[in-house]
Amino acid sequence: MKETKKKLLQETVTILKKLDRESLAIIRSNAEILRARDTLEEQKAG
């Protein structure tokens, strides 16, 4: 993993640790949507 990505992940985790349960649920659902979008884009490209 590239150093820039590692740093970004560490910063993101630090921010997530400070969120409440409701905010984390929102973040999780948005992440699932982004993952599904990436999968669709990969299928279109492949």
N, C-alpha and C. Protein backbone atom coordinates (compact mmCIF):
# COMPACT_ATOMS: atom_id res chain seq x y z
N MET A 1 0.85 -1.17 0.00
CA MET A 1 0.00 0.00 0.00
C MET A 1 0.90 1.24 0.00
N LYS A 2 0.54 2.21 -0.81
CA LYS A 2 1.34 3.43 -0.89
C LYS A 2 1.25 4.23 0.40
N GLU A 3 2.29 4.97 0.67
CA GLU A 3 2.35 5.77 1.90
C GLU A 3 1.23 6.81 1.95
N THR A 4 0.89 7.40 0.81
CA THR A 4 -0.18 8.40 0.80
C THR A 4 -1.51 7.78 1.17
N LYS A 5 -1.74 6.56 0.70
CA LYS A 5 -2.99 5.88 1.03
C LYS A 5 -3.01 5.50 2.50
N LYS A 6 -1.88 5.04 3.02
CA LYS A 6 -1.80 4.69 4.44
C LYS A 6 -2.11 5.90 5.31
N LYS A 7 -1.53 7.04 4.95
CA LYS A 7 -1.74 8.26 5.73
C LYS A 7 -3.20 8.68 5.67
N LEU A 8 -3.80 8.60 4.50
CA LEU A 8 -5.21 8.95 4.35
C LEU A 8 -6.10 8.04 5.18
N LEU A 9 -5.81 6.75 5.18
CA LEU A 9 -6.58 5.80 5.99
C LEU A 9 -6.44 6.07 7.48
N GLN A 10 -5.23 6.39 7.92
CA GLN A 10 -5.01 6.69 9.33
C GLN A 10 -5.79 7.93 9.74
N GLU A 11 -5.76 8.97 8.89
CA GLU A 11 -6.50 10.19 9.20
C GLU A 11 -8.01 9.93 9.24
N THR A 12 -8.48 9.10 8.32
CA THR A 12 -9.90 8.78 8.26
C THR A 12 -10.33 8.02 9.51
N VAL A 13 -9.54 7.05 9.93
CA VAL A 13 -9.86 6.28 11.12
C VAL A 13 -9.91 7.18 12.35
N THR A 14 -8.98 8.11 12.45
CA THR A 14 -8.97 9.05 13.57
C THR A 14 -10.27 9.85 13.61
N ILE A 15 -10.71 10.31 12.47
CA ILE A 15 -11.96 11.07 12.39
C ILE A 15 -13.15 10.18 12.76
N LEU A 16 -13.18 8.95 12.23
CA LEU A 16 -14.29 8.04 12.49
C LEU A 16 -14.42 7.70 13.97
N LYS A 17 -13.31 7.61 14.66
CA LYS A 17 -13.33 7.28 16.09
C LYS A 17 -14.07 8.33 16.91
N LYS A 18 -14.16 9.54 16.38
CA LYS A 18 -14.79 10.64 17.11
C LYS A 18 -16.29 10.78 16.81
N LEU A 19 -16.79 9.99 15.87
CA LEU A 19 -18.20 10.10 15.48
C LEU A 19 -19.10 9.27 16.39
N ASP A 20 -20.35 9.69 16.46
CA ASP A 20 -21.33 8.92 17.23
C ASP A 20 -21.87 7.77 16.38
N ARG A 21 -22.67 6.93 16.99
CA ARG A 21 -23.18 5.72 16.34
C ARG A 21 -24.01 6.04 15.09
N GLU A 22 -24.84 7.05 15.16
CA GLU A 22 -25.70 7.42 14.03
C GLU A 22 -24.86 7.89 12.84
N SER A 23 -23.88 8.71 13.11
CA SER A 23 -23.00 9.19 12.04
C SER A 23 -22.22 8.05 11.41
N LEU A 24 -21.76 7.11 12.22
CA LEU A 24 -21.05 5.95 11.68
C LEU A 24 -21.94 5.11 10.78
N ALA A 25 -23.21 4.99 11.12
CA ALA A 25 -24.15 4.24 10.28
C ALA A 25 -24.32 4.91 8.92
N ILE A 26 -24.37 6.22 8.91
CA ILE A 26 -24.48 6.97 7.66
C ILE A 26 -23.23 6.78 6.81
N ILE A 27 -22.07 6.89 7.44
CA ILE A 27 -20.80 6.71 6.73
C ILE A 27 -20.72 5.30 6.14
N ARG A 28 -21.14 4.33 6.91
CA ARG A 28 -21.08 2.94 6.44
C ARG A 28 -21.98 2.72 5.22
N SER A 29 -23.19 3.25 5.26
CA SER A 29 -24.10 3.07 4.13
C SER A 29 -23.56 3.77 2.89
N ASN A 30 -22.96 4.94 3.07
CA ASN A 30 -22.38 5.64 1.93
C ASN A 30 -21.20 4.87 1.35
N ALA A 31 -20.41 4.26 2.21
CA ALA A 31 -19.28 3.46 1.74
C ALA A 31 -19.76 2.25 0.95
N GLU A 32 -20.85 1.65 1.37
CA GLU A 32 -21.40 0.50 0.64
C GLU A 32 -21.89 0.93 -0.74
N ILE A 33 -22.49 2.12 -0.82
CA ILE A 33 -22.94 2.64 -2.11
C ILE A 33 -21.75 2.88 -3.03
N LEU A 34 -20.69 3.47 -2.49
CA LEU A 34 -19.49 3.72 -3.30
C LEU A 34 -18.86 2.42 -3.78
N ARG A 35 -18.85 1.42 -2.92
CA ARG A 35 -18.29 0.11 -3.31
C ARG A 35 -19.12 -0.50 -4.44
N ALA A 36 -20.43 -0.39 -4.36
CA ALA A 36 -21.30 -0.93 -5.41
C ALA A 36 -21.07 -0.18 -6.73
N ARG A 37 -20.90 1.13 -6.63
CA ARG A 37 -20.65 1.93 -7.83
C ARG A 37 -19.34 1.51 -8.48
N ASP A 38 -18.30 1.31 -7.67
CA ASP A 38 -17.01 0.88 -8.20
C ASP A 38 -17.12 -0.48 -8.89
N THR A 39 -17.89 -1.37 -8.31
CA THR A 39 -18.10 -2.69 -8.90
C THR A 39 -18.78 -2.57 -10.26
N LEU A 40 -19.79 -1.73 -10.35
CA LEU A 40 -20.48 -1.53 -11.62
C LEU A 40 -19.55 -0.94 -12.67
N GLU A 41 -18.72 0.01 -12.28
CA GLU A 41 -17.78 0.62 -13.22
C GLU A 41 -16.76 -0.41 -13.72
N GLU A 42 -16.31 -1.29 -12.81
CA GLU A 42 -15.37 -2.33 -13.21
C GLU A 42 -16.02 -3.30 -14.21
N GLN A 43 -17.29 -3.62 -13.98
CA GLN A 43 -18.00 -4.54 -14.88
C GLN A 43 -18.17 -3.91 -16.25
N LYS A 44 -18.46 -2.60 -16.29
CA LYS A 44 -18.61 -1.91 -17.58
C LYS A 44 -17.29 -1.85 -18.34
N ALA A 45 -16.20 -1.66 -17.60
CA ALA A 45 -14.88 -1.56 -18.23
C ALA A 45 -14.38 -2.92 -18.71
N GLY A 46 -14.78 -3.97 -17.99
CA GLY A 46 -14.26 -5.31 -18.28
C GLY A 46 -15.09 -6.04 -19.22
